[in-house]
């Protein structure tokens, strides 16, 4: 449930940023984007765990599926960041990356 709420919050704050194939017009830095650079993907991780435990899936299968999800979303997030860095917003996004260090998990040393 927490993952779903976070996902809807991300969509409400930044509706055009579900997946970046073209660089966005502006960088969202409010709400959950103030803590992690890809909060929508963080929400997907939470939803994955919530539904896995709710369905009673074996913890070994959960760990295996988690690694596939982590590798896939990390690759997608990295490609999105490269797209933005190569856009006119590149310098602004570099500053955002310095300020918000966590890609999926809040980094304790942000700011």
N, C-alpha and C. Protein backbone atom coordinates (compact mmCIF):
# COMPACT_ATOMS: atom_id res chain seq x y z
N UNK A 1 0.81 -1.20 0.00
CA UNK A 1 0.00 0.00 0.00
C UNK A 1 0.86 1.26 0.00
N UNK A 2 1.97 1.24 0.75
CA UNK A 2 2.84 2.41 0.81
C UNK A 2 3.45 2.69 -0.56
N UNK A 3 3.86 1.61 -1.26
CA UNK A 3 4.43 1.77 -2.58
C UNK A 3 3.46 2.40 -3.56
N UNK A 4 2.20 1.99 -3.50
CA UNK A 4 1.17 2.53 -4.39
C UNK A 4 0.91 4.01 -4.10
N UNK A 5 0.88 4.36 -2.83
CA UNK A 5 0.69 5.76 -2.44
C UNK A 5 1.85 6.61 -2.94
N UNK A 6 3.09 6.12 -2.76
CA UNK A 6 4.25 6.84 -3.24
C UNK A 6 4.22 7.00 -4.76
N UNK A 7 3.82 5.95 -5.46
CA UNK A 7 3.74 6.00 -6.93
C UNK A 7 2.74 7.07 -7.39
N UNK A 8 1.57 7.10 -6.77
CA UNK A 8 0.56 8.11 -7.13
C UNK A 8 1.04 9.52 -6.79
N UNK A 9 1.77 9.66 -5.68
CA UNK A 9 2.32 10.96 -5.30
C UNK A 9 3.31 11.44 -6.37
N UNK A 10 4.17 10.53 -6.83
CA UNK A 10 5.14 10.88 -7.89
C UNK A 10 4.43 11.31 -9.17
N UNK A 11 3.40 10.59 -9.54
CA UNK A 11 2.65 10.91 -10.77
C UNK A 11 1.95 12.26 -10.63
N UNK A 12 1.39 12.53 -9.44
CA UNK A 12 0.71 13.80 -9.23
C UNK A 12 1.68 14.98 -9.30
N UNK A 13 2.84 14.84 -8.69
CA UNK A 13 3.83 15.92 -8.66
C UNK A 13 4.47 16.13 -10.02
N UNK A 14 4.76 15.04 -10.72
CA UNK A 14 5.51 15.12 -11.97
C UNK A 14 4.88 14.20 -13.02
N UNK A 15 3.71 14.57 -13.55
CA UNK A 15 2.95 13.67 -14.42
C UNK A 15 3.64 13.28 -15.73
N UNK A 16 4.53 14.10 -16.23
CA UNK A 16 5.17 13.80 -17.51
C UNK A 16 6.43 12.98 -17.38
N UNK A 17 6.76 12.54 -16.18
CA UNK A 17 8.05 11.87 -15.97
C UNK A 17 7.87 10.40 -15.60
N UNK A 18 7.06 9.69 -16.34
CA UNK A 18 6.90 8.26 -16.06
C UNK A 18 8.06 7.47 -16.64
N UNK A 19 8.55 7.89 -17.77
CA UNK A 19 9.75 7.29 -18.35
C UNK A 19 10.34 8.30 -19.32
N UNK A 20 11.61 8.56 -19.19
CA UNK A 20 12.23 9.59 -20.01
C UNK A 20 12.89 8.96 -21.22
N UNK A 21 12.35 9.24 -22.39
CA UNK A 21 13.02 8.86 -23.63
C UNK A 21 13.52 10.13 -24.31
N UNK A 22 12.88 11.24 -23.99
CA UNK A 22 13.30 12.56 -24.44
C UNK A 22 13.49 13.38 -23.17
N UNK A 23 14.50 14.20 -23.14
CA UNK A 23 14.79 14.99 -21.94
C UNK A 23 13.59 15.85 -21.56
N UNK A 24 13.28 15.93 -20.27
CA UNK A 24 12.15 16.76 -19.82
C UNK A 24 12.45 18.24 -19.99
N UNK A 25 11.40 19.04 -19.87
CA UNK A 25 11.56 20.50 -20.00
C UNK A 25 12.09 21.12 -18.72
N UNK A 26 11.82 20.48 -17.59
CA UNK A 26 12.31 20.98 -16.31
C UNK A 26 12.58 19.80 -15.39
N UNK A 27 13.37 20.03 -14.38
CA UNK A 27 13.71 18.98 -13.42
C UNK A 27 12.86 19.18 -12.18
N UNK A 28 12.16 18.14 -11.78
CA UNK A 28 11.31 18.19 -10.60
C UNK A 28 12.17 17.94 -9.36
N UNK A 29 12.10 18.84 -8.39
CA UNK A 29 12.92 18.72 -7.18
C UNK A 29 12.08 18.82 -5.90
N UNK A 30 10.76 18.68 -6.02
CA UNK A 30 9.90 18.79 -4.84
C UNK A 30 9.37 17.42 -4.46
N UNK A 31 8.79 17.35 -3.28
CA UNK A 31 8.18 16.11 -2.80
C UNK A 31 9.22 15.00 -2.70
N UNK A 32 8.87 13.81 -3.18
CA UNK A 32 9.80 12.68 -3.06
C UNK A 32 11.07 12.86 -3.90
N UNK A 33 11.01 13.73 -4.91
CA UNK A 33 12.19 14.00 -5.74
C UNK A 33 13.25 14.79 -4.96
N UNK A 34 12.89 15.29 -3.80
CA UNK A 34 13.83 15.99 -2.94
C UNK A 34 14.70 14.99 -2.16
N UNK A 35 14.26 13.72 -2.09
CA UNK A 35 14.98 12.70 -1.33
C UNK A 35 15.70 11.69 -2.21
N UNK A 36 15.09 11.32 -3.33
CA UNK A 36 15.70 10.37 -4.27
C UNK A 36 15.45 10.85 -5.70
N UNK A 37 16.34 10.46 -6.61
CA UNK A 37 16.21 10.93 -7.99
C UNK A 37 15.15 10.18 -8.77
N UNK A 38 14.84 8.96 -8.37
CA UNK A 38 13.85 8.15 -9.09
C UNK A 38 12.84 7.55 -8.10
N UNK A 39 12.04 8.40 -7.46
CA UNK A 39 11.11 7.89 -6.45
C UNK A 39 10.02 6.99 -7.02
N UNK A 40 9.69 7.16 -8.27
CA UNK A 40 8.67 6.30 -8.87
C UNK A 40 9.17 4.86 -8.95
N UNK A 41 10.45 4.70 -9.25
CA UNK A 41 11.03 3.35 -9.27
C UNK A 41 11.15 2.80 -7.86
N UNK A 42 11.44 3.67 -6.89
CA UNK A 42 11.46 3.24 -5.50
C UNK A 42 10.09 2.70 -5.10
N UNK A 43 9.05 3.37 -5.57
CA UNK A 43 7.68 2.92 -5.30
C UNK A 43 7.44 1.55 -5.92
N UNK A 44 8.01 1.31 -7.10
CA UNK A 44 7.85 0.00 -7.74
C UNK A 44 8.52 -1.09 -6.90
N UNK A 45 9.68 -0.80 -6.32
CA UNK A 45 10.34 -1.76 -5.43
C UNK A 45 9.44 -2.07 -4.23
N UNK A 46 8.90 -1.03 -3.62
CA UNK A 46 8.02 -1.23 -2.46
C UNK A 46 6.79 -2.05 -2.84
N UNK A 47 6.18 -1.72 -3.98
CA UNK A 47 4.99 -2.47 -4.42
C UNK A 47 5.36 -3.94 -4.67
N UNK A 48 6.52 -4.17 -5.26
CA UNK A 48 6.97 -5.54 -5.51
C UNK A 48 7.04 -6.33 -4.20
N UNK A 49 7.68 -5.76 -3.18
CA UNK A 49 7.79 -6.46 -1.89
C UNK A 49 6.43 -6.62 -1.22
N UNK A 50 5.63 -5.58 -1.26
CA UNK A 50 4.32 -5.67 -0.63
C UNK A 50 3.46 -6.77 -1.26
N UNK A 51 3.40 -6.79 -2.59
CA UNK A 51 2.59 -7.80 -3.25
C UNK A 51 3.19 -9.20 -3.11
N UNK A 52 4.51 -9.30 -3.10
CA UNK A 52 5.16 -10.61 -2.94
C UNK A 52 4.83 -11.21 -1.58
N UNK A 53 4.93 -10.41 -0.54
CA UNK A 53 4.61 -10.92 0.80
C UNK A 53 3.12 -11.19 0.94
N UNK A 54 2.32 -10.34 0.34
CA UNK A 54 0.87 -10.52 0.40
C UNK A 54 0.45 -11.83 -0.29
N UNK A 55 1.12 -12.15 -1.40
CA UNK A 55 0.82 -13.39 -2.13
C UNK A 55 1.49 -14.61 -1.52
N UNK A 56 2.39 -14.40 -0.56
CA UNK A 56 3.05 -15.52 0.11
C UNK A 56 4.11 -16.18 -0.74
N UNK A 57 4.77 -15.43 -1.58
CA UNK A 57 5.81 -15.98 -2.44
C UNK A 57 7.04 -16.33 -1.59
N UNK A 58 7.72 -17.40 -1.93
CA UNK A 58 8.91 -17.86 -1.23
C UNK A 58 9.96 -16.75 -1.19
N UNK A 59 10.63 -16.60 -0.05
CA UNK A 59 11.62 -15.54 0.08
C UNK A 59 12.77 -15.71 -0.90
N UNK A 60 13.10 -16.96 -1.27
CA UNK A 60 14.17 -17.19 -2.25
C UNK A 60 13.78 -16.65 -3.62
N UNK A 61 12.53 -16.86 -3.99
CA UNK A 61 12.05 -16.33 -5.27
C UNK A 61 11.97 -14.80 -5.23
N UNK A 62 11.58 -14.27 -4.07
CA UNK A 62 11.52 -12.82 -3.91
C UNK A 62 12.91 -12.21 -4.11
N UNK A 63 13.94 -12.81 -3.51
CA UNK A 63 15.31 -12.31 -3.65
C UNK A 63 15.75 -12.38 -5.10
N UNK A 64 15.47 -13.48 -5.77
CA UNK A 64 15.86 -13.63 -7.17
C UNK A 64 15.16 -12.58 -8.05
N UNK A 65 13.86 -12.44 -7.87
CA UNK A 65 13.11 -11.46 -8.67
C UNK A 65 13.55 -10.03 -8.35
N UNK A 66 13.88 -9.78 -7.07
CA UNK A 66 14.35 -8.46 -6.68
C UNK A 66 15.61 -8.08 -7.46
N UNK A 67 16.56 -9.01 -7.60
CA UNK A 67 17.80 -8.71 -8.31
C UNK A 67 17.54 -8.41 -9.78
N UNK A 68 16.62 -9.16 -10.40
CA UNK A 68 16.27 -8.86 -11.79
C UNK A 68 15.64 -7.47 -11.90
N UNK A 69 14.75 -7.15 -10.97
CA UNK A 69 14.10 -5.83 -10.95
C UNK A 69 15.14 -4.73 -10.72
N UNK A 70 16.04 -4.94 -9.78
CA UNK A 70 17.07 -3.95 -9.47
C UNK A 70 17.98 -3.70 -10.67
N UNK A 71 18.42 -4.76 -11.31
CA UNK A 71 19.30 -4.61 -12.48
C UNK A 71 18.57 -3.88 -13.60
N UNK A 72 17.33 -4.28 -13.87
CA UNK A 72 16.55 -3.65 -14.94
C UNK A 72 16.26 -2.19 -14.69
N UNK A 73 15.78 -1.86 -13.49
CA UNK A 73 15.45 -0.47 -13.19
C UNK A 73 16.70 0.40 -13.06
N UNK A 74 17.78 -0.18 -12.58
CA UNK A 74 19.02 0.58 -12.50
C UNK A 74 19.51 0.93 -13.91
N UNK A 75 19.40 0.00 -14.83
CA UNK A 75 19.79 0.25 -16.22
C UNK A 75 18.91 1.35 -16.84
N UNK A 76 17.59 1.24 -16.64
CA UNK A 76 16.66 2.23 -17.19
C UNK A 76 16.94 3.61 -16.59
N UNK A 77 17.13 3.68 -15.27
CA UNK A 77 17.40 4.96 -14.60
C UNK A 77 18.71 5.56 -15.11
N UNK A 78 19.72 4.73 -15.31
CA UNK A 78 21.00 5.24 -15.81
C UNK A 78 20.84 5.81 -17.22
N UNK A 79 20.08 5.13 -18.07
CA UNK A 79 19.85 5.62 -19.43
C UNK A 79 19.07 6.93 -19.41
N UNK A 80 18.08 7.03 -18.52
CA UNK A 80 17.32 8.28 -18.39
C UNK A 80 18.23 9.42 -17.95
N UNK A 81 19.10 9.14 -16.99
CA UNK A 81 20.01 10.19 -16.51
C UNK A 81 20.97 10.62 -17.61
N UNK A 82 21.45 9.69 -18.41
CA UNK A 82 22.33 10.05 -19.53
C UNK A 82 21.60 10.92 -20.54
N UNK A 83 20.32 10.60 -20.79
CA UNK A 83 19.51 11.41 -21.71
C UNK A 83 19.40 12.84 -21.19
N UNK A 84 19.14 12.99 -19.91
CA UNK A 84 18.99 14.32 -19.32
C UNK A 84 20.32 15.06 -19.30
N UNK A 85 21.40 14.35 -18.96
CA UNK A 85 22.72 14.99 -18.90
C UNK A 85 23.17 15.52 -20.25
N UNK A 86 22.72 14.88 -21.33
CA UNK A 86 23.10 15.30 -22.67
C UNK A 86 22.15 16.37 -23.23
N UNK A 87 21.16 16.75 -22.45
CA UNK A 87 20.19 17.75 -22.88
C UNK A 87 20.63 19.13 -22.40
N UNK A 88 19.88 20.17 -22.77
CA UNK A 88 20.20 21.52 -22.25
C UNK A 88 20.11 21.61 -20.72
N UNK A 89 19.41 20.66 -20.08
CA UNK A 89 19.29 20.68 -18.62
C UNK A 89 20.46 19.96 -17.94
N UNK A 90 21.46 19.57 -18.71
CA UNK A 90 22.56 18.77 -18.19
C UNK A 90 23.23 19.33 -16.96
N UNK A 91 23.59 20.61 -17.00
CA UNK A 91 24.28 21.23 -15.85
C UNK A 91 23.37 21.28 -14.63
N UNK A 92 22.11 21.62 -14.86
CA UNK A 92 21.15 21.68 -13.75
C UNK A 92 20.97 20.29 -13.13
N UNK A 93 20.92 19.26 -13.99
CA UNK A 93 20.73 17.90 -13.48
C UNK A 93 21.99 17.43 -12.74
N UNK A 94 23.16 17.85 -13.18
CA UNK A 94 24.39 17.50 -12.46
C UNK A 94 24.35 18.06 -11.05
N UNK A 95 23.89 19.30 -10.92
CA UNK A 95 23.76 19.90 -9.58
C UNK A 95 22.74 19.14 -8.74
N UNK A 96 21.64 18.74 -9.37
CA UNK A 96 20.61 17.96 -8.68
C UNK A 96 21.20 16.63 -8.21
N UNK A 97 22.02 15.99 -9.05
CA UNK A 97 22.64 14.71 -8.68
C UNK A 97 23.60 14.89 -7.51
N UNK A 98 24.27 16.03 -7.43
CA UNK A 98 25.16 16.29 -6.30
C UNK A 98 24.37 16.50 -5.02
N UNK A 99 23.22 17.15 -5.15
CA UNK A 99 22.38 17.44 -3.99
C UNK A 99 21.63 16.20 -3.52
N UNK A 100 21.06 15.46 -4.45
CA UNK A 100 20.27 14.26 -4.13
C UNK A 100 21.07 13.06 -4.62
N UNK A 101 21.79 12.43 -3.72
CA UNK A 101 22.71 11.37 -4.09
C UNK A 101 22.02 10.02 -4.34
N UNK A 102 20.93 9.76 -3.66
CA UNK A 102 20.26 8.46 -3.78
C UNK A 102 19.47 8.32 -5.07
N UNK A 103 19.73 7.24 -5.78
CA UNK A 103 18.97 6.99 -7.01
C UNK A 103 17.60 6.40 -6.66
N UNK A 104 17.56 5.42 -5.75
CA UNK A 104 16.31 4.77 -5.36
C UNK A 104 16.03 4.87 -3.86
N UNK A 105 17.09 4.93 -3.07
CA UNK A 105 16.98 4.93 -1.62
C UNK A 105 17.51 6.26 -1.11
N UNK A 106 16.79 6.91 -0.18
CA UNK A 106 17.29 8.18 0.35
C UNK A 106 18.70 8.03 0.93
N UNK A 107 19.56 8.91 0.57
CA UNK A 107 20.94 8.90 1.02
C UNK A 107 21.04 9.77 2.25
N UNK A 108 21.63 9.28 3.34
CA UNK A 108 21.64 10.06 4.57
C UNK A 108 22.42 11.37 4.49
N UNK A 109 23.29 11.50 3.50
CA UNK A 109 24.11 12.70 3.42
C UNK A 109 23.58 13.69 2.39
N UNK A 110 22.31 13.57 1.96
CA UNK A 110 21.74 14.54 1.03
C UNK A 110 21.83 15.93 1.64
N UNK A 111 22.13 16.88 0.77
CA UNK A 111 22.20 18.30 1.11
C UNK A 111 23.46 18.62 1.77
